[in-house]
């Protein structure tokens, strides 16, 4: 495993170039740099998956809340009529 300072620099470089070119870093000559690129790619994928999961739960909760509120409004209108 690479030194923490070197790996931090590689991760900063990968974040700077974004997701469009990490394969370039993975195909580079340095084995340690290639391993750091794979770890960074996995970390980014995990982060994205968690964000999507949280967004899914939020949308689902919002949908159920909207349906519940609409039901309460409908019930209230039925009682008033």
PDB file of N, CA and C in Angstrom:
ATOM      1  N   UNK A   1       0.844  -1.173   0.000  1.00  0.00           N
ATOM      2  CA  UNK A   1       0.000   0.000   0.000  1.00  0.00           C
ATOM      3  C   UNK A   1       0.890   1.237   0.000  1.00  0.00           C
ATOM      4  N   UNK A   2       0.438   2.250  -0.696  1.00  0.00           N
ATOM      5  CA  UNK A   2       1.223   3.473  -0.844  1.00  0.00           C
ATOM      6  C   UNK A   2       1.197   4.281   0.451  1.00  0.00           C
ATOM      7  N   UNK A   3       2.142   5.206   0.543  1.00  0.00           N
ATOM      8  CA  UNK A   3       2.167   6.111   1.685  1.00  0.00           C
ATOM      9  C   UNK A   3       0.906   6.962   1.668  1.00  0.00           C
ATOM     10  N   UNK A   4       0.385   7.315   2.830  1.00  0.00           N
ATOM     11  CA  UNK A   4      -0.860   8.093   2.885  1.00  0.00           C
ATOM     12  C   UNK A   4      -0.783   9.413   2.111  1.00  0.00           C
ATOM     13  N   UNK A   5       0.383  10.077   2.144  1.00  0.00           N
ATOM     14  CA  UNK A   5       0.512  11.357   1.445  1.00  0.00           C
ATOM     15  C   UNK A   5       0.422  11.147  -0.067  1.00  0.00           C
ATOM     16  N   UNK A   6       1.092  10.108  -0.563  1.00  0.00           N
ATOM     17  CA  UNK A   6       1.077   9.836  -2.001  1.00  0.00           C
ATOM     18  C   UNK A   6      -0.322   9.441  -2.449  1.00  0.00           C
ATOM     19  N   UNK A   7      -0.982   8.592  -1.668  1.00  0.00           N
ATOM     20  CA  UNK A   7      -2.333   8.176  -2.043  1.00  0.00           C
ATOM     21  C   UNK A   7      -3.305   9.352  -1.991  1.00  0.00           C
ATOM     22  N   UNK A   8      -3.141  10.233  -1.021  1.00  0.00           N
ATOM     23  CA  UNK A   8      -3.993  11.421  -0.945  1.00  0.00           C
ATOM     24  C   UNK A   8      -3.792  12.301  -2.174  1.00  0.00           C
ATOM     25  N   UNK A   9      -2.550  12.424  -2.620  1.00  0.00           N
ATOM     26  CA  UNK A   9      -2.268  13.216  -3.823  1.00  0.00           C
ATOM     27  C   UNK A   9      -2.901  12.560  -5.050  1.00  0.00           C
ATOM     28  N   UNK A  10      -2.816  11.238  -5.160  1.00  0.00           N
ATOM     29  CA  UNK A  10      -3.414  10.536  -6.291  1.00  0.00           C
ATOM     30  C   UNK A  10      -4.932  10.684  -6.279  1.00  0.00           C
ATOM     31  N   UNK A  11      -5.533  10.569  -5.080  1.00  0.00           N
ATOM     32  CA  UNK A  11      -6.988  10.742  -4.981  1.00  0.00           C
ATOM     33  C   UNK A  11      -7.400  12.156  -5.383  1.00  0.00           C
ATOM     34  N   UNK A  12      -6.613  13.139  -4.970  1.00  0.00           N
ATOM     35  CA  UNK A  12      -6.905  14.527  -5.356  1.00  0.00           C
ATOM     36  C   UNK A  12      -6.818  14.679  -6.875  1.00  0.00           C
ATOM     37  N   UNK A  13      -5.830  14.030  -7.477  1.00  0.00           N
ATOM     38  CA  UNK A  13      -5.700  14.077  -8.937  1.00  0.00           C
ATOM     39  C   UNK A  13      -6.899  13.406  -9.603  1.00  0.00           C
ATOM     40  N   UNK A  14      -7.325  12.263  -9.069  1.00  0.00           N
ATOM     41  CA  UNK A  14      -8.475  11.564  -9.642  1.00  0.00           C
ATOM     42  C   UNK A  14      -9.745  12.394  -9.500  1.00  0.00           C
ATOM     43  N   UNK A  15      -9.920  13.059  -8.367  1.00  0.00           N
ATOM     44  CA  UNK A  15     -11.091  13.911  -8.185  1.00  0.00           C
ATOM     45  C   UNK A  15     -11.040  15.110  -9.128  1.00  0.00           C
ATOM     46  N   UNK A  16      -9.828  15.596  -9.403  1.00  0.00           N
ATOM     47  CA  UNK A  16      -9.676  16.733 -10.299  1.00  0.00           C
ATOM     48  C   UNK A  16     -10.040  16.353 -11.738  1.00  0.00           C
ATOM     49  N   UNK A  17      -9.576  15.188 -12.193  1.00  0.00           N
ATOM     50  CA  UNK A  17      -9.872  14.796 -13.572  1.00  0.00           C
ATOM     51  C   UNK A  17     -11.262  14.197 -13.698  1.00  0.00           C
ATOM     52  N   UNK A  18     -11.856  13.824 -12.571  1.00  0.00           N
ATOM     53  CA  UNK A  18     -13.225  13.321 -12.583  1.00  0.00           C
ATOM     54  C   UNK A  18     -13.313  11.877 -13.027  1.00  0.00           C
ATOM     55  N   UNK A  19     -14.549  11.463 -13.294  1.00  0.00           N
ATOM     56  CA  UNK A  19     -14.804  10.071 -13.626  1.00  0.00           C
ATOM     57  C   UNK A  19     -14.530   9.752 -15.080  1.00  0.00           C
ATOM     58  N   UNK A  20     -14.231  10.751 -15.879  1.00  0.00           N
ATOM     59  CA  UNK A  20     -14.049  10.505 -17.303  1.00  0.00           C
ATOM     60  C   UNK A  20     -12.718   9.855 -17.620  1.00  0.00           C
ATOM     61  N   UNK A  21     -11.720  10.047 -16.753  1.00  0.00           N
ATOM     62  CA  UNK A  21     -10.399   9.553 -17.073  1.00  0.00           C
ATOM     63  C   UNK A  21      -9.744   8.672 -16.011  1.00  0.00           C
ATOM     64  N   UNK A  22     -10.492   8.066 -15.078  1.00  0.00           N
ATOM     65  CA  UNK A  22      -9.773   7.248 -14.088  1.00  0.00           C
ATOM     66  C   UNK A  22      -9.136   6.013 -14.700  1.00  0.00           C
ATOM     67  N   UNK A  23      -9.676   5.546 -15.816  1.00  0.00           N
ATOM     68  CA  UNK A  23      -9.074   4.385 -16.476  1.00  0.00           C
ATOM     69  C   UNK A  23      -7.663   4.713 -16.945  1.00  0.00           C
ATOM     70  N   UNK A  24      -7.449   5.971 -17.296  1.00  0.00           N
ATOM     71  CA  UNK A  24      -6.117   6.408 -17.687  1.00  0.00           C
ATOM     72  C   UNK A  24      -5.150   6.202 -16.529  1.00  0.00           C
ATOM     73  N   UNK A  25      -5.579   6.567 -15.336  1.00  0.00           N
ATOM     74  CA  UNK A  25      -4.739   6.375 -14.152  1.00  0.00           C
ATOM     75  C   UNK A  25      -4.604   4.891 -13.828  1.00  0.00           C
ATOM     76  N   UNK A  26      -5.670   4.114 -14.054  1.00  0.00           N
ATOM     77  CA  UNK A  26      -5.616   2.688 -13.765  1.00  0.00           C
ATOM     78  C   UNK A  26      -4.700   1.970 -14.740  1.00  0.00           C
ATOM     79  N   UNK A  27      -4.529   2.528 -15.930  1.00  0.00           N
ATOM     80  CA  UNK A  27      -3.662   1.912 -16.922  1.00  0.00           C
ATOM     81  C   UNK A  27      -2.230   2.443 -16.856  1.00  0.00           C
ATOM     82  N   UNK A  28      -1.958   3.314 -15.906  1.00  0.00           N
ATOM     83  CA  UNK A  28      -0.612   3.877 -15.790  1.00  0.00           C
ATOM     84  C   UNK A  28       0.360   2.804 -15.308  1.00  0.00           C
ATOM     85  N   UNK A  29       1.613   3.150 -15.355  1.00  0.00           N
ATOM     86  CA  UNK A  29       2.665   2.171 -15.043  1.00  0.00           C
ATOM     87  C   UNK A  29       2.758   1.825 -13.564  1.00  0.00           C
ATOM     88  N   UNK A  30       2.428   2.742 -12.674  1.00  0.00           N
ATOM     89  CA  UNK A  30       2.602   2.516 -11.247  1.00  0.00           C
ATOM     90  C   UNK A  30       1.542   1.594 -10.675  1.00  0.00           C
ATOM     91  N   UNK A  31       1.985   0.481 -10.118  1.00  0.00           N
ATOM     92  CA  UNK A  31       1.051  -0.486  -9.537  1.00  0.00           C
ATOM     93  C   UNK A  31       0.304   0.124  -8.351  1.00  0.00           C
ATOM     94  N   UNK A  32       1.009   0.867  -7.495  1.00  0.00           N
ATOM     95  CA  UNK A  32       0.371   1.471  -6.333  1.00  0.00           C
ATOM     96  C   UNK A  32      -0.640   2.525  -6.754  1.00  0.00           C
ATOM     97  N   UNK A  33      -0.291   3.299  -7.792  1.00  0.00           N
ATOM     98  CA  UNK A  33      -1.216   4.320  -8.275  1.00  0.00           C
ATOM     99  C   UNK A  33      -2.457   3.655  -8.876  1.00  0.00           C
ATOM    100  N   UNK A  34      -2.258   2.553  -9.574  1.00  0.00           N
ATOM    101  CA  UNK A  34      -3.375   1.808 -10.166  1.00  0.00           C
ATOM    102  C   UNK A  34      -4.294   1.269  -9.070  1.00  0.00           C
ATOM    103  N   UNK A  35      -3.715   0.744  -7.997  1.00  0.00           N
ATOM    104  CA  UNK A  35      -4.511   0.238  -6.885  1.00  0.00           C
ATOM    105  C   UNK A  35      -5.281   1.368  -6.202  1.00  0.00           C
ATOM    106  N   UNK A  36      -4.642   2.520  -6.049  1.00  0.00           N
ATOM    107  CA  UNK A  36      -5.321   3.675  -5.453  1.00  0.00           C
ATOM    108  C   UNK A  36      -6.481   4.115  -6.340  1.00  0.00           C
ATOM    109  N   UNK A  37      -6.297   4.054  -7.661  1.00  0.00           N
ATOM    110  CA  UNK A  37      -7.366   4.429  -8.589  1.00  0.00           C
ATOM    111  C   UNK A  37      -8.545   3.465  -8.455  1.00  0.00           C
ATOM    112  N   UNK A  38      -8.270   2.182  -8.303  1.00  0.00           N
ATOM    113  CA  UNK A  38      -9.348   1.209  -8.116  1.00  0.00           C
ATOM    114  C   UNK A  38     -10.095   1.464  -6.812  1.00  0.00           C
ATOM    115  N   UNK A  39      -9.351   1.747  -5.728  1.00  0.00           N
ATOM    116  CA  UNK A  39     -10.000   2.036  -4.445  1.00  0.00           C
ATOM    117  C   UNK A  39     -10.842   3.305  -4.544  1.00  0.00           C
ATOM    118  N   UNK A  40     -10.314   4.334  -5.184  1.00  0.00           N
ATOM    119  CA  UNK A  40     -11.051   5.590  -5.350  1.00  0.00           C
ATOM    120  C   UNK A  40     -12.326   5.342  -6.143  1.00  0.00           C
ATOM    121  N   UNK A  41     -12.217   4.585  -7.216  1.00  0.00           N
ATOM    122  CA  UNK A  41     -13.384   4.282  -8.049  1.00  0.00           C
ATOM    123  C   UNK A  41     -14.443   3.536  -7.230  1.00  0.00           C
ATOM    124  N   UNK A  42     -14.020   2.588  -6.427  1.00  0.00           N
ATOM    125  CA  UNK A  42     -14.956   1.852  -5.575  1.00  0.00           C
ATOM    126  C   UNK A  42     -15.600   2.743  -4.527  1.00  0.00           C
ATOM    127  N   UNK A  43     -14.811   3.648  -3.956  1.00  0.00           N
ATOM    128  CA  UNK A  43     -15.356   4.579  -2.960  1.00  0.00           C
ATOM    129  C   UNK A  43     -16.393   5.501  -3.594  1.00  0.00           C
ATOM    130  N   UNK A  44     -16.104   5.988  -4.796  1.00  0.00           N
ATOM    131  CA  UNK A  44     -17.045   6.868  -5.493  1.00  0.00           C
ATOM    132  C   UNK A  44     -18.335   6.120  -5.824  1.00  0.00           C
ATOM    133  N   UNK A  45     -18.219   4.876  -6.240  1.00  0.00           N
ATOM    134  CA  UNK A  45     -19.397   4.069  -6.558  1.00  0.00           C
ATOM    135  C   UNK A  45     -20.237   3.842  -5.310  1.00  0.00           C
ATOM    136  N   UNK A  46     -19.592   3.532  -4.195  1.00  0.00           N
ATOM    137  CA  UNK A  46     -20.303   3.316  -2.930  1.00  0.00           C
ATOM    138  C   UNK A  46     -21.023   4.590  -2.494  1.00  0.00           C
ATOM    139  N   UNK A  47     -20.345   5.729  -2.610  1.00  0.00           N
ATOM    140  CA  UNK A  47     -20.950   7.007  -2.234  1.00  0.00           C
ATOM    141  C   UNK A  47     -22.169   7.297  -3.096  1.00  0.00           C
ATOM    142  N   UNK A  48     -22.052   7.087  -4.404  1.00  0.00           N
ATOM    143  CA  UNK A  48     -23.166   7.332  -5.313  1.00  0.00           C
ATOM    144  C   UNK A  48     -24.345   6.402  -4.997  1.00  0.00           C
ATOM    145  N   UNK A  49     -24.048   5.139  -4.705  1.00  0.00           N
ATOM    146  CA  UNK A  49     -25.108   4.186  -4.383  1.00  0.00           C
ATOM    147  C   UNK A  49     -25.859   4.609  -3.123  1.00  0.00           C
ATOM    148  N   UNK A  50     -25.134   5.044  -2.105  1.00  0.00           N
ATOM    149  CA  UNK A  50     -25.772   5.494  -0.871  1.00  0.00           C
ATOM    150  C   UNK A  50     -26.619   6.742  -1.097  1.00  0.00           C
ATOM    151  N   UNK A  51     -26.132   7.668  -1.921  1.00  0.00           N
ATOM    152  CA  UNK A  51     -26.908   8.871  -2.217  1.00  0.00           C
ATOM    153  C   UNK A  51     -28.198   8.522  -2.953  1.00  0.00           C
ATOM    154  N   UNK A  52     -28.102   7.594  -3.913  1.00  0.00           N
ATOM    155  CA  UNK A  52     -29.290   7.174  -4.645  1.00  0.00           C
ATOM    156  C   UNK A  52     -30.277   6.454  -3.728  1.00  0.00           C
ATOM    157  N   UNK A  53     -29.767   5.660  -2.805  1.00  0.00           N
ATOM    158  CA  UNK A  53     -30.626   4.959  -1.857  1.00  0.00           C
ATOM    159  C   UNK A  53     -31.359   5.941  -0.952  1.00  0.00           C
ATOM    160  N   UNK A  54     -30.649   6.953  -0.465  1.00  0.00           N
ATOM    161  CA  UNK A  54     -31.283   7.972   0.378  1.00  0.00           C
ATOM    162  C   UNK A  54     -32.333   8.752  -0.404  1.00  0.00           C
ATOM    163  N   UNK A  55     -32.027   9.076  -1.651  1.00  0.00           N
ATOM    164  CA  UNK A  55     -32.988   9.807  -2.481  1.00  0.00           C
ATOM    165  C   UNK A  55     -34.236   8.956  -2.721  1.00  0.00           C
ATOM    166  N   UNK A  56     -34.054   7.662  -2.945  1.00  0.00           N
ATOM    167  CA  UNK A  56     -35.183   6.759  -3.156  1.00  0.00           C
ATOM    168  C   UNK A  56     -36.085   6.729  -1.926  1.00  0.00           C
ATOM    169  N   UNK A  57     -35.488   6.610  -0.752  1.00  0.00           N
ATOM    170  CA  UNK A  57     -36.285   6.578   0.481  1.00  0.00           C
ATOM    171  C   UNK A  57     -37.017   7.901   0.704  1.00  0.00           C
ATOM    172  N   UNK A  58     -36.365   9.009   0.402  1.00  0.00           N
ATOM    173  CA  UNK A  58     -36.991  10.315   0.565  1.00  0.00           C
ATOM    174  C   UNK A  58     -38.184  10.461  -0.376  1.00  0.00           C
ATOM    175  N   UNK A  59     -38.005  10.077  -1.643  1.00  0.00           N
ATOM    176  CA  UNK A  59     -39.099  10.174  -2.617  1.00  0.00           C
ATOM    177  C   UNK A  59     -40.256   9.269  -2.203  1.00  0.00           C
ATOM    178  N   UNK A  60     -39.935   8.071  -1.743  1.00  0.00           N
ATOM    179  CA  UNK A  60     -40.980   7.141  -1.311  1.00  0.00           C
ATOM    180  C   UNK A  60     -41.755   7.706  -0.115  1.00  0.00           C
ATOM    181  N   UNK A  61     -41.039   8.243   0.866  1.00  0.00           N
ATOM    182  CA  UNK A  61     -41.677   8.822   2.044  1.00  0.00           C
ATOM    183  C   UNK A  61     -42.552  10.008   1.640  1.00  0.00           C
ATOM    184  N   UNK A  62     -42.047  10.852   0.745  1.00  0.00           N
ATOM    185  CA  UNK A  62     -42.804  12.012   0.276  1.00  0.00           C
ATOM    186  C   UNK A  62     -44.077  11.571  -0.435  1.00  0.00           C
ATOM    187  N   UNK A  63     -43.999  10.532  -1.248  1.00  0.00           N
ATOM    188  CA  UNK A  63     -45.176  10.020  -1.948  1.00  0.00           C
ATOM    189  C   UNK A  63     -46.228   9.534  -0.951  1.00  0.00           C
ATOM    190  N   UNK A  64     -45.803   8.750   0.029  1.00  0.00           N
ATOM    191  CA  UNK A  64     -46.748   8.255   1.026  1.00  0.00           C
ATOM    192  C   UNK A  64     -47.365   9.391   1.834  1.00  0.00           C
ATOM    193  N   UNK A  65     -46.568  10.399   2.164  1.00  0.00           N
ATOM    194  CA  UNK A  65     -47.085  11.551   2.901  1.00  0.00           C
ATOM    195  C   UNK A  65     -48.116  12.307   2.052  1.00  0.00           C
ATOM    196  N   UNK A  66     -47.824  12.482   0.773  1.00  0.00           N
ATOM    197  CA  UNK A  66     -48.762  13.188  -0.109  1.00  0.00           C
ATOM    198  C   UNK A  66     -50.073  12.415  -0.243  1.00  0.00           C
ATOM    199  N   UNK A  67     -49.979  11.106  -0.359  1.00  0.00           N
ATOM    200  CA  UNK A  67     -51.188  10.285  -0.453  1.00  0.00           C
ATOM    201  C   UNK A  67     -51.983  10.373   0.846  1.00  0.00           C
ATOM    202  N   UNK A  68     -51.290  10.340   1.977  1.00  0.00           N
ATOM    203  CA  UNK A  68     -51.963  10.457   3.275  1.00  0.00           C
ATOM    204  C   UNK A  68     -52.658  11.794   3.437  1.00  0.00           C
ATOM    205  N   UNK A  69     -51.982  12.859   3.058  1.00  0.00           N
ATOM    206  CA  UNK A  69     -52.585  14.192   3.152  1.00  0.00           C
ATOM    207  C   UNK A  69     -53.789  14.303   2.230  1.00  0.00           C
ATOM    208  N   UNK A  70     -53.667  13.777   1.015  1.00  0.00           N
ATOM    209  CA  UNK A  70     -54.793  13.811   0.079  1.00  0.00           C
ATOM    210  C   UNK A  70     -55.972  13.014   0.640  1.00  0.00           C
ATOM    211  N   UNK A  71     -55.686  11.897   1.291  1.00  0.00           N
ATOM    212  CA  UNK A  71     -56.747  11.102   1.910  1.00  0.00           C
ATOM    213  C   UNK A  71     -57.448  11.849   3.024  1.00  0.00           C
ATOM    214  N   UNK A  72     -56.664  12.535   3.851  1.00  0.00           N
ATOM    215  CA  UNK A  72     -57.253  13.331   4.936  1.00  0.00           C
ATOM    216  C   UNK A  72     -58.116  14.466   4.388  1.00  0.00           C
ATOM    217  N   UNK A  73     -57.661  15.124   3.346  1.00  0.00           N
ATOM    218  CA  UNK A  73     -58.427  16.202   2.736  1.00  0.00           C
ATOM    219  C   UNK A  73     -59.728  15.645   2.157  1.00  0.00           C
ATOM    220  N   UNK A  74     -59.647  14.520   1.466  1.00  0.00           N
ATOM    221  CA  UNK A  74     -60.838  13.897   0.889  1.00  0.00           C
ATOM    222  C   UNK A  74     -61.820  13.509   1.999  1.00  0.00           C
ATOM    223  N   UNK A  75     -61.307  12.939   3.068  1.00  0.00           N
ATOM    224  CA  UNK A  75     -62.176  12.549   4.191  1.00  0.00           C
ATOM    225  C   UNK A  75     -62.834  13.780   4.807  1.00  0.00           C
ATOM    226  N   UNK A  76     -62.075  14.843   4.981  1.00  0.00           N
ATOM    227  CA  UNK A  76     -62.621  16.074   5.527  1.00  0.00           C
ATOM    228  C   UNK A  76     -63.706  16.671   4.628  1.00  0.00           C
ATOM    229  N   UNK A  77     -63.448  16.679   3.337  1.00  0.00           N
ATOM    230  CA  UNK A  77     -64.464  17.198   2.402  1.00  0.00           C
ATOM    231  C   UNK A  77     -65.727  16.338   2.405  1.00  0.00           C
ATOM    232  N   UNK A  78     -65.558  15.028   2.557  1.00  0.00           N
ATOM    233  CA  UNK A  78     -66.719  14.138   2.602  1.00  0.00           C
ATOM    234  C   UNK A  78     -67.548  14.416   3.846  1.00  0.00           C
ATOM    235  N   UNK A  79     -66.916  14.650   4.964  1.00  0.00           N
ATOM    236  CA  UNK A  79     -67.644  14.911   6.207  1.00  0.00           C
ATOM    237  C   UNK A  79     -68.346  16.267   6.159  1.00  0.00           C
ATOM    238  N   UNK A  80     -67.749  17.239   5.493  1.00  0.00           N
ATOM    239  CA  UNK A  80     -68.346  18.571   5.398  1.00  0.00           C
ATOM    240  C   UNK A  80     -69.523  18.605   4.423  1.00  0.00           C
ATOM    241  N   UNK A  81     -69.511  17.758   3.481  1.00  0.00           N
ATOM    242  CA  UNK A  81     -70.569  17.780   2.457  1.00  0.00           C
ATOM    243  C   UNK A  81     -71.754  17.040   2.935  1.00  0.00           C
TER     244      UNK A  81
END
